[in-house]
Amino acid sequence: MNHLNNEFDADAGDVAEVTLDRAANVLLMDSSNYDNYKQGRKYRYYGGYATKSPVRLAVPKHGHWHVVVDLGGGPGQVRASTRLLSGASV
């Protein structure tokens, strides 16, 4: 599956802020769910289809996280940047 991935360590209460150049799926997931995503298996995530930028996703608990951006199999390309905001609010 064609996608962008940005990974980071974060604490509960941190916010992943994603800036997009077009509408896309923006998914926040832990490492095991990211592995499932890459293998085409069922996975759980926070976020979804975003039509406005920036997108802010709250990190639910301390750990290693992935922000995935994809077009859901649709045509074209997407550019995205991600930054972690420590202790920010959504």
Protein backbone atom coordinates (compact mmCIF):
# COMPACT_ATOMS: atom_id res chain seq x y z
CA MET A 1 0.00 0.00 0.00
CA ASN A 2 1.35 3.42 -0.96
CA HIS A 3 1.51 5.70 2.08
CA LEU A 4 3.58 8.20 4.04
CA ASN A 5 4.73 7.25 7.53
CA ASN A 6 6.15 9.38 10.31
CA GLU A 7 6.98 7.69 13.61
CA PHE A 8 7.77 9.15 17.00
CA ASP A 9 7.71 8.54 20.75
CA ALA A 10 5.05 10.53 22.58
CA ASP A 11 3.23 10.88 25.88
CA ALA A 12 -0.47 11.02 26.62
CA GLY A 13 -1.63 14.58 26.05
CA ASP A 14 0.77 15.24 23.17
CA VAL A 15 -0.75 16.12 19.80
CA ALA A 16 0.38 15.04 16.34
CA GLU A 17 -0.26 17.92 13.94
CA VAL A 18 -0.36 16.97 10.25
CA THR A 19 -0.36 19.53 7.43
CA LEU A 20 -1.68 18.27 4.08
CA ASP A 21 -1.69 19.65 0.55
CA ARG A 22 -4.95 17.80 -0.27
CA ALA A 23 -7.62 15.67 1.37
CA ALA A 24 -6.31 12.31 2.58
CA ASN A 25 -6.63 9.67 5.27
CA VAL A 26 -4.65 10.63 8.38
CA LEU A 27 -4.25 7.72 10.79
CA LEU A 28 -2.54 7.59 14.18
CA MET A 29 -1.64 4.05 15.29
CA ASP A 30 0.75 2.12 17.48
CA SER A 31 3.46 -0.14 16.06
CA SER A 32 1.49 -3.41 16.14
CA ASN A 33 -1.44 -1.81 14.31
CA TYR A 34 0.96 -0.24 11.81
CA ASP A 35 2.40 -3.71 11.11
CA ASN A 36 -1.16 -4.99 10.56
CA TYR A 37 -1.88 -2.03 8.24
CA LYS A 38 1.20 -2.82 6.12
CA GLN A 39 0.25 -6.51 5.94
CA GLY A 40 -3.35 -5.77 4.88
CA ARG A 41 -4.82 -7.15 8.11
CA LYS A 42 -7.36 -5.50 10.41
CA TYR A 43 -5.97 -2.57 12.36
CA ARG A 44 -7.15 0.12 14.76
CA TYR A 45 -6.39 3.80 14.48
CA TYR A 46 -7.32 7.32 15.55
CA GLY A 47 -8.25 9.86 12.89
CA GLY A 48 -9.73 9.21 9.46
CA TYR A 49 -10.44 11.05 6.23
CA ALA A 50 -9.34 14.68 6.53
CA THR A 51 -10.60 17.42 4.23
CA LYS A 52 -9.08 20.36 6.13
CA SER A 53 -5.52 21.03 7.18
CA PRO A 54 -3.91 21.00 9.66
CA VAL A 55 -5.21 17.86 11.32
CA ARG A 56 -4.62 17.45 15.05
CA LEU A 57 -4.70 14.01 16.64
CA ALA A 58 -4.38 13.53 20.40
CA VAL A 59 -1.96 10.83 21.50
CA PRO A 60 -3.97 8.61 23.89
CA LYS A 61 -1.08 7.08 25.87
CA HIS A 62 2.71 6.98 26.19
CA GLY A 63 4.44 4.91 23.52
CA HIS A 64 5.82 4.66 20.01
CA TRP A 65 3.37 5.99 17.40
CA HIS A 66 2.97 6.18 13.63
CA VAL A 67 1.13 8.85 11.67
CA VAL A 68 0.13 7.36 8.31
CA VAL A 69 -1.14 9.45 5.41
CA ASP A 70 -2.67 7.75 2.38
CA LEU A 71 -5.20 8.32 -0.38
CA GLY A 72 -7.10 5.09 0.29
CA GLY A 73 -6.03 3.63 -3.04
CA GLY A 74 -7.16 6.71 -4.96
CA PRO A 75 -5.08 8.29 -7.73
CA GLY A 76 -2.50 11.01 -7.24
CA GLN A 77 -0.02 11.97 -4.59
CA VAL A 78 -0.19 13.77 -1.30
CA ARG A 79 2.45 15.81 0.50
CA ALA A 80 2.31 16.00 4.27
CA SER A 81 4.38 17.17 7.19
CA THR A 82 3.99 16.09 10.79
CA ARG A 83 5.12 17.70 14.01
CA LEU A 84 4.62 16.70 17.62
CA LEU A 85 3.18 19.29 19.97
CA SER A 86 4.02 18.37 23.56
CA GLY A 87 1.18 18.86 26.01
CA ALA A 88 -1.00 20.66 23.44
CA SER A 89 -4.76 20.38 23.27
CA VAL A 90 -6.74 19.32 20.24
